[in-house]
């Protein structure tokens, strides 16, 4: 699969059950379905929204987190490639 496009209208949602976040300044760790992913701490606000069960557009996630839509799309690409999330249209 290629990179997820930086489209502010695309929706990102976790596909893993019982996801949880850990970690502090150096890294944030997403744990779900027996897997663990270490990610950069600047994506924590996006992950917090997703772990709560939210299905939000890239535009909404960018606005909530202070990231760009391109950065949200890069995170989405990483999560989708690990089978931890899915991207869809509204």
Protein backbone atom coordinates (compact mmCIF):
# COMPACT_ATOMS: atom_id res chain seq x y z
CA UNK A 1 0.00 0.00 0.00
CA UNK A 2 1.19 3.53 -0.72
CA UNK A 3 1.01 6.59 1.44
CA UNK A 4 -2.38 7.78 2.63
CA UNK A 5 -3.16 11.07 0.88
CA UNK A 6 -3.17 14.29 2.90
CA UNK A 7 -6.89 14.89 2.40
CA UNK A 8 -8.52 16.82 5.28
CA UNK A 9 -11.84 15.06 4.58
CA UNK A 10 -10.58 11.52 5.10
CA UNK A 11 -11.59 9.82 8.36
CA UNK A 12 -9.14 7.93 10.60
CA UNK A 13 -10.21 5.31 13.15
CA UNK A 14 -8.39 2.64 15.11
CA UNK A 15 -9.28 -0.92 14.16
CA UNK A 16 -7.85 -2.51 17.29
CA UNK A 17 -9.81 -3.26 20.44
CA UNK A 18 -8.90 -2.02 23.90
CA UNK A 19 -6.18 0.34 22.74
CA UNK A 20 -4.18 2.18 25.40
CA UNK A 21 -1.47 4.81 25.45
CA UNK A 22 1.65 4.85 27.59
CA UNK A 23 4.90 6.74 27.57
CA UNK A 24 6.08 10.24 28.24
CA UNK A 25 8.37 12.82 26.66
CA UNK A 26 10.68 10.55 24.66
CA UNK A 27 8.01 8.42 22.98
CA UNK A 28 4.38 7.44 23.18
CA UNK A 29 3.49 3.76 23.08
CA UNK A 30 0.23 2.55 21.59
CA UNK A 31 -0.73 -0.91 22.86
CA UNK A 32 -3.60 -2.83 21.30
CA UNK A 33 -4.57 -6.39 20.41
CA UNK A 34 -1.32 -7.84 21.74
CA UNK A 35 0.84 -5.42 19.76
CA UNK A 36 2.89 -2.41 20.75
CA UNK A 37 3.92 0.55 18.59
CA UNK A 38 6.36 3.24 19.68
CA UNK A 39 5.60 6.60 18.09
CA UNK A 40 6.86 10.17 18.33
CA UNK A 41 5.33 12.07 21.28
CA UNK A 42 4.01 14.89 19.08
CA UNK A 43 1.28 12.52 17.80
CA UNK A 44 -0.10 11.94 21.34
CA UNK A 45 -3.12 14.29 20.89
CA UNK A 46 -4.18 12.41 17.75
CA UNK A 47 -3.74 9.03 19.43
CA UNK A 48 -5.67 10.17 22.53
CA UNK A 49 -8.63 11.10 20.34
CA UNK A 50 -8.47 7.78 18.46
CA UNK A 51 -8.07 5.65 21.61
CA UNK A 52 -11.26 7.23 22.95
CA UNK A 53 -13.04 5.59 20.02
CA UNK A 54 -13.43 8.73 17.94
CA UNK A 55 -13.62 8.59 14.15
CA UNK A 56 -12.34 11.99 13.09
CA UNK A 57 -11.33 13.61 9.83
CA UNK A 58 -7.70 14.41 9.19
CA UNK A 59 -8.72 18.08 9.30
CA UNK A 60 -10.30 17.71 12.75
CA UNK A 61 -7.31 15.73 14.03
CA UNK A 62 -4.90 18.35 12.71
CA UNK A 63 -6.89 21.16 14.34
CA UNK A 64 -7.08 19.37 17.72
CA UNK A 65 -3.41 18.43 17.77
CA UNK A 66 -1.65 21.37 16.16
CA UNK A 67 -0.24 19.05 13.49
CA UNK A 68 -0.58 19.60 9.77
CA UNK A 69 -2.90 17.47 7.66
CA UNK A 70 0.28 16.07 6.05
CA UNK A 71 1.59 14.95 9.46
CA UNK A 72 -1.76 13.32 10.29
CA UNK A 73 -1.66 11.53 6.92
CA UNK A 74 1.88 10.29 7.67
CA UNK A 75 0.70 8.91 11.02
CA UNK A 76 -2.32 7.34 9.30
CA UNK A 77 -0.01 5.69 6.77
CA UNK A 78 2.07 4.22 9.60
CA UNK A 79 -0.95 2.99 11.57
CA UNK A 80 -2.67 1.51 8.50
CA UNK A 81 0.53 -0.28 7.46
CA UNK A 82 0.58 -1.91 10.93
CA UNK A 83 -3.11 -2.90 10.68
CA UNK A 84 -3.88 -0.67 13.67
CA UNK A 85 -6.18 1.80 11.88
CA UNK A 86 -8.34 2.32 8.84
CA UNK A 87 -8.97 5.32 6.64
CA UNK A 88 -12.33 5.99 5.01
CA UNK A 89 -14.38 8.74 3.43
CA UNK A 90 -17.01 10.53 5.52
